[in-house]
Every structure is written in C-alpha cells, then in structure tokens.
Amino acid sequence: MNETGRLSIANKKLLSAAEKKTYMRHHKVKDIIVVAIKHEEYVRIGDKTTAKAIYDSLC
C-alpha cells in the first residue's frame, strides 16, 4: 500500500486470495466508519489512512 492506503491496479493483481480479502475488508470497515460519522468528525480524521487509526482517533 502507498501512503494513502491504496494499491495500484498492478499491485492488486499480485495479491494472494487471503491478502485481497484482508484488503477489501479493511476498506469496507473504513467506508462504514466514514459513513457513520458527522462531517466535523470526518474532517478531524481525514488524514488517517487505516481503519484502526480512524477508530482509535474517534475513541
């Protein structure tokens, strides 16, 4: 992953099935958290790149 937490298309193709599942789960959790919070909280966590970092900053 790069500094934004995303993979390039070429790098995604190199992932194993387990790595793809982990990658997709990470982004699903991150999307759920972002949708569930207010805009003010979103602005506060905008620089976080992982779902865990977002969760930790909200607690």
PDB file of N, CA and C in Angstrom:
ATOM      1  N   MET A   1       0.833  -1.179   0.000  1.00  0.00           N
ATOM      2  CA  MET A   1       0.000   0.000   0.000  1.00  0.00           C
ATOM      3  C   MET A   1       0.879   1.244   0.000  1.00  0.00           C
ATOM      4  N   ASN A   2       0.364   2.284  -0.618  1.00  0.00           N
ATOM      5  CA  ASN A   2       1.092   3.542  -0.588  1.00  0.00           C
ATOM      6  C   ASN A   2       0.657   4.363   0.625  1.00  0.00           C
ATOM      7  N   GLU A   3       1.100   5.612   0.683  1.00  0.00           N
ATOM      8  CA  GLU A   3       0.807   6.435   1.857  1.00  0.00           C
ATOM      9  C   GLU A   3      -0.674   6.746   2.037  1.00  0.00           C
ATOM     10  N   THR A   4      -1.486   6.578   1.006  1.00  0.00           N
ATOM     11  CA  THR A   4      -2.922   6.815   1.131  1.00  0.00           C
ATOM     12  C   THR A   4      -3.689   5.557   1.495  1.00  0.00           C
ATOM     13  N   GLY A   5      -2.989   4.442   1.613  1.00  0.00           N
ATOM     14  CA  GLY A   5      -3.641   3.190   1.975  1.00  0.00           C
ATOM     15  C   GLY A   5      -4.233   2.448   0.798  1.00  0.00           C
ATOM     16  N   ARG A   6      -3.906   2.863  -0.407  1.00  0.00           N
ATOM     17  CA  ARG A   6      -4.437   2.229  -1.613  1.00  0.00           C
ATOM     18  C   ARG A   6      -3.338   1.514  -2.380  1.00  0.00           C
ATOM     19  N   LEU A   7      -3.737   0.542  -3.158  1.00  0.00           N
ATOM     20  CA  LEU A   7      -2.813  -0.188  -4.024  1.00  0.00           C
ATOM     21  C   LEU A   7      -3.058   0.218  -5.467  1.00  0.00           C
ATOM     22  N   SER A   8      -2.019   0.178  -6.272  1.00  0.00           N
ATOM     23  CA  SER A   8      -2.204   0.393  -7.699  1.00  0.00           C
ATOM     24  C   SER A   8      -2.857  -0.863  -8.278  1.00  0.00           C
ATOM     25  N   ILE A   9      -3.415  -0.729  -9.449  1.00  0.00           N
ATOM     26  CA  ILE A   9      -4.076  -1.873 -10.088  1.00  0.00           C
ATOM     27  C   ILE A   9      -3.077  -3.004 -10.319  1.00  0.00           C
ATOM     28  N   ALA A  10      -1.869  -2.658 -10.724  1.00  0.00           N
ATOM     29  CA  ALA A  10      -0.847  -3.687 -10.953  1.00  0.00           C
ATOM     30  C   ALA A  10      -0.522  -4.425  -9.664  1.00  0.00           C
ATOM     31  N   ASN A  11      -0.425  -3.712  -8.560  1.00  0.00           N
ATOM     32  CA  ASN A  11      -0.114  -4.350  -7.279  1.00  0.00           C
ATOM     33  C   ASN A  11      -1.277  -5.192  -6.763  1.00  0.00           C
ATOM     34  N   LYS A  12      -2.521  -4.789  -7.047  1.00  0.00           N
ATOM     35  CA  LYS A  12      -3.681  -5.577  -6.626  1.00  0.00           C
ATOM     36  C   LYS A  12      -3.666  -6.953  -7.276  1.00  0.00           C
ATOM     37  N   LYS A  13      -3.217  -7.011  -8.508  1.00  0.00           N
ATOM     38  CA  LYS A  13      -3.187  -8.285  -9.223  1.00  0.00           C
ATOM     39  C   LYS A  13      -2.160  -9.245  -8.638  1.00  0.00           C
ATOM     40  N   LEU A  14      -1.186  -8.724  -7.909  1.00  0.00           N
ATOM     41  CA  LEU A  14      -0.145  -9.563  -7.324  1.00  0.00           C
ATOM     42  C   LEU A  14      -0.531 -10.134  -5.961  1.00  0.00           C
ATOM     43  N   LEU A  15      -1.650  -9.700  -5.398  1.00  0.00           N
ATOM     44  CA  LEU A  15      -2.060 -10.153  -4.071  1.00  0.00           C
ATOM     45  C   LEU A  15      -2.593 -11.582  -4.113  1.00  0.00           C
ATOM     46  N   SER A  16      -2.360 -12.297  -3.040  1.00  0.00           N
ATOM     47  CA  SER A  16      -2.944 -13.633  -2.911  1.00  0.00           C
ATOM     48  C   SER A  16      -4.418 -13.476  -2.542  1.00  0.00           C
ATOM     49  N   ALA A  17      -5.149 -14.556  -2.556  1.00  0.00           N
ATOM     50  CA  ALA A  17      -6.575 -14.508  -2.214  1.00  0.00           C
ATOM     51  C   ALA A  17      -6.781 -13.999  -0.791  1.00  0.00           C
ATOM     52  N   ALA A  18      -5.958 -14.447   0.145  1.00  0.00           N
ATOM     53  CA  ALA A  18      -6.079 -14.008   1.539  1.00  0.00           C
ATOM     54  C   ALA A  18      -5.755 -12.522   1.675  1.00  0.00           C
ATOM     55  N   GLU A  19      -4.745 -12.059   0.949  1.00  0.00           N
ATOM     56  CA  GLU A  19      -4.384 -10.638   1.001  1.00  0.00           C
ATOM     57  C   GLU A  19      -5.476  -9.769   0.395  1.00  0.00           C
ATOM     58  N   LYS A  20      -6.097 -10.236  -0.692  1.00  0.00           N
ATOM     59  CA  LYS A  20      -7.206  -9.499  -1.304  1.00  0.00           C
ATOM     60  C   LYS A  20      -8.370  -9.391  -0.334  1.00  0.00           C
ATOM     61  N   LYS A  21      -8.664 -10.476   0.374  1.00  0.00           N
ATOM     62  CA  LYS A  21      -9.758 -10.478   1.335  1.00  0.00           C
ATOM     63  C   LYS A  21      -9.482  -9.479   2.456  1.00  0.00           C
ATOM     64  N   THR A  22      -8.254  -9.464   2.978  1.00  0.00           N
ATOM     65  CA  THR A  22      -7.875  -8.519   4.028  1.00  0.00           C
ATOM     66  C   THR A  22      -7.966  -7.088   3.519  1.00  0.00           C
ATOM     67  N   TYR A  23      -7.476  -6.845   2.313  1.00  0.00           N
ATOM     68  CA  TYR A  23      -7.507  -5.507   1.708  1.00  0.00           C
ATOM     69  C   TYR A  23      -8.948  -5.022   1.557  1.00  0.00           C
ATOM     70  N   MET A  24      -9.813  -5.875   1.036  1.00  0.00           N
ATOM     71  CA  MET A  24     -11.213  -5.493   0.833  1.00  0.00           C
ATOM     72  C   MET A  24     -11.921  -5.272   2.164  1.00  0.00           C
ATOM     73  N   ARG A  25     -11.645  -6.105   3.158  1.00  0.00           N
ATOM     74  CA  ARG A  25     -12.252  -5.948   4.476  1.00  0.00           C
ATOM     75  C   ARG A  25     -11.827  -4.619   5.107  1.00  0.00           C
ATOM     76  N   HIS A  26     -10.548  -4.278   4.981  1.00  0.00           N
ATOM     77  CA  HIS A  26     -10.023  -3.019   5.513  1.00  0.00           C
ATOM     78  C   HIS A  26     -10.799  -1.833   4.943  1.00  0.00           C
ATOM     79  N   HIS A  27     -10.980  -1.814   3.629  1.00  0.00           N
ATOM     80  CA  HIS A  27     -11.656  -0.684   3.006  1.00  0.00           C
ATOM     81  C   HIS A  27     -13.154  -0.689   3.279  1.00  0.00           C
ATOM     82  N   LYS A  28     -13.742  -1.851   3.455  1.00  0.00           N
ATOM     83  CA  LYS A  28     -15.154  -1.918   3.809  1.00  0.00           C
ATOM     84  C   LYS A  28     -15.377  -1.314   5.193  1.00  0.00           C
ATOM     85  N   VAL A  29     -14.527  -1.676   6.150  1.00  0.00           N
ATOM     86  CA  VAL A  29     -14.630  -1.131   7.512  1.00  0.00           C
ATOM     87  C   VAL A  29     -14.400   0.370   7.497  1.00  0.00           C
ATOM     88  N   LYS A  30     -13.391   0.814   6.761  1.00  0.00           N
ATOM     89  CA  LYS A  30     -13.091   2.245   6.673  1.00  0.00           C
ATOM     90  C   LYS A  30     -14.290   3.003   6.100  1.00  0.00           C
ATOM     91  N   ASP A  31     -14.909   2.477   5.046  1.00  0.00           N
ATOM     92  CA  ASP A  31     -16.073   3.123   4.446  1.00  0.00           C
ATOM     93  C   ASP A  31     -17.255   3.169   5.411  1.00  0.00           C
ATOM     94  N   ILE A  32     -17.483   2.106   6.165  1.00  0.00           N
ATOM     95  CA  ILE A  32     -18.578   2.078   7.143  1.00  0.00           C
ATOM     96  C   ILE A  32     -18.368   3.148   8.205  1.00  0.00           C
ATOM     97  N   ILE A  33     -17.148   3.265   8.708  1.00  0.00           N
ATOM     98  CA  ILE A  33     -16.850   4.266   9.737  1.00  0.00           C
ATOM     99  C   ILE A  33     -17.081   5.666   9.189  1.00  0.00           C
ATOM    100  N   VAL A  34     -16.594   5.944   7.991  1.00  0.00           N
ATOM    101  CA  VAL A  34     -16.712   7.283   7.412  1.00  0.00           C
ATOM    102  C   VAL A  34     -18.175   7.655   7.187  1.00  0.00           C
ATOM    103  N   VAL A  35     -18.992   6.721   6.750  1.00  0.00           N
ATOM    104  CA  VAL A  35     -20.407   6.998   6.505  1.00  0.00           C
ATOM    105  C   VAL A  35     -21.163   7.239   7.813  1.00  0.00           C
ATOM    106  N   ALA A  36     -20.726   6.615   8.888  1.00  0.00           N
ATOM    107  CA  ALA A  36     -21.459   6.671  10.153  1.00  0.00           C
ATOM    108  C   ALA A  36     -21.160   7.907  11.002  1.00  0.00           C
ATOM    109  N   ILE A  37     -20.200   8.724  10.610  1.00  0.00           N
ATOM    110  CA  ILE A  37     -19.821   9.852  11.464  1.00  0.00           C
ATOM    111  C   ILE A  37     -20.285  11.180  10.878  1.00  0.00           C
ATOM    112  N   LYS A  38     -20.277  12.204  11.713  1.00  0.00           N
ATOM    113  CA  LYS A  38     -20.640  13.554  11.283  1.00  0.00           C
ATOM    114  C   LYS A  38     -19.494  14.163  10.485  1.00  0.00           C
ATOM    115  N   HIS A  39     -19.828  15.209   9.741  1.00  0.00           N
ATOM    116  CA  HIS A  39     -18.831  15.866   8.901  1.00  0.00           C
ATOM    117  C   HIS A  39     -17.673  16.427   9.724  1.00  0.00           C
ATOM    118  N   GLU A  40     -17.967  16.986  10.884  1.00  0.00           N
ATOM    119  CA  GLU A  40     -16.916  17.557  11.734  1.00  0.00           C
ATOM    120  C   GLU A  40     -15.907  16.486  12.154  1.00  0.00           C
ATOM    121  N   GLU A  41     -16.425  15.300  12.477  1.00  0.00           N
ATOM    122  CA  GLU A  41     -15.534  14.200  12.843  1.00  0.00           C
ATOM    123  C   GLU A  41     -14.739  13.722  11.631  1.00  0.00           C
ATOM    124  N   TYR A  42     -15.385  13.737  10.475  1.00  0.00           N
ATOM    125  CA  TYR A  42     -14.697  13.332   9.253  1.00  0.00           C
ATOM    126  C   TYR A  42     -13.508  14.244   8.962  1.00  0.00           C
ATOM    127  N   VAL A  43     -13.714  15.539   9.140  1.00  0.00           N
ATOM    128  CA  VAL A  43     -12.626  16.493   8.922  1.00  0.00           C
ATOM    129  C   VAL A  43     -11.473  16.195   9.876  1.00  0.00           C
ATOM    130  N   ARG A  44     -11.800  15.837  11.105  1.00  0.00           N
ATOM    131  CA  ARG A  44     -10.777  15.543  12.106  1.00  0.00           C
ATOM    132  C   ARG A  44      -9.972  14.291  11.761  1.00  0.00           C
ATOM    133  N   ILE A  45     -10.594  13.315  11.136  1.00  0.00           N
ATOM    134  CA  ILE A  45      -9.912  12.048  10.839  1.00  0.00           C
ATOM    135  C   ILE A  45      -9.445  11.947   9.396  1.00  0.00           C
ATOM    136  N   GLY A  46      -9.589  12.992   8.633  1.00  0.00           N
ATOM    137  CA  GLY A  46      -9.275  12.956   7.208  1.00  0.00           C
ATOM    138  C   GLY A  46      -7.869  12.523   6.865  1.00  0.00           C
ATOM    139  N   ASP A  47      -6.928  12.725   7.766  1.00  0.00           N
ATOM    140  CA  ASP A  47      -5.541  12.368   7.472  1.00  0.00           C
ATOM    141  C   ASP A  47      -5.181  10.940   7.874  1.00  0.00           C
ATOM    142  N   LYS A  48      -6.110  10.206   8.442  1.00  0.00           N
ATOM    143  CA  LYS A  48      -5.847   8.822   8.864  1.00  0.00           C
ATOM    144  C   LYS A  48      -5.931   7.897   7.654  1.00  0.00           C
ATOM    145  N   THR A  49      -5.046   6.911   7.592  1.00  0.00           N
ATOM    146  CA  THR A  49      -5.019   6.036   6.418  1.00  0.00           C
ATOM    147  C   THR A  49      -5.549   4.634   6.679  1.00  0.00           C
ATOM    148  N   THR A  50      -5.673   4.232   7.936  1.00  0.00           N
ATOM    149  CA  THR A  50      -6.165   2.882   8.208  1.00  0.00           C
ATOM    150  C   THR A  50      -7.445   2.949   9.030  1.00  0.00           C
ATOM    151  N   ALA A  51      -8.237   1.901   8.928  1.00  0.00           N
ATOM    152  CA  ALA A  51      -9.474   1.841   9.701  1.00  0.00           C
ATOM    153  C   ALA A  51      -9.174   1.876  11.196  1.00  0.00           C
ATOM    154  N   LYS A  52      -8.111   1.215  11.616  1.00  0.00           N
ATOM    155  CA  LYS A  52      -7.743   1.211  13.034  1.00  0.00           C
ATOM    156  C   LYS A  52      -7.360   2.607  13.505  1.00  0.00           C
ATOM    157  N   ALA A  53      -6.608   3.349  12.712  1.00  0.00           N
ATOM    158  CA  ALA A  53      -6.218   4.712  13.080  1.00  0.00           C
ATOM    159  C   ALA A  53      -7.447   5.606  13.196  1.00  0.00           C
ATOM    160  N   ILE A  54      -8.407   5.429  12.298  1.00  0.00           N
ATOM    161  CA  ILE A  54      -9.652   6.200  12.365  1.00  0.00           C
ATOM    162  C   ILE A  54     -10.401   5.852  13.637  1.00  0.00           C
ATOM    163  N   TYR A  55     -10.574   4.564  13.898  1.00  0.00           N
ATOM    164  CA  TYR A  55     -11.292   4.121  15.092  1.00  0.00           C
ATOM    165  C   TYR A  55     -10.623   4.641  16.359  1.00  0.00           C
ATOM    166  N   ASP A  56      -9.306   4.517  16.435  1.00  0.00           N
ATOM    167  CA  ASP A  56      -8.572   4.968  17.621  1.00  0.00           C
ATOM    168  C   ASP A  56      -8.709   6.470  17.830  1.00  0.00           C
ATOM    169  N   SER A  57      -8.741   7.246  16.759  1.00  0.00           N
ATOM    170  CA  SER A  57      -8.851   8.696  16.911  1.00  0.00           C
ATOM    171  C   SER A  57     -10.253   9.124  17.328  1.00  0.00           C
ATOM    172  N   LEU A  58     -11.251   8.283  17.071  1.00  0.00           N
ATOM    173  CA  LEU A  58     -12.627   8.612  17.453  1.00  0.00           C
ATOM    174  C   LEU A  58     -12.936   8.219  18.893  1.00  0.00           C
ATOM    175  N   CYS A  59     -12.158   7.335  19.471  1.00  0.00           N
ATOM    176  CA  CYS A  59     -12.409   6.858  20.836  1.00  0.00           C
ATOM    177  C   CYS A  59     -11.781   7.759  21.869  1.00  0.00           C
TER     178      CYS A  59
END
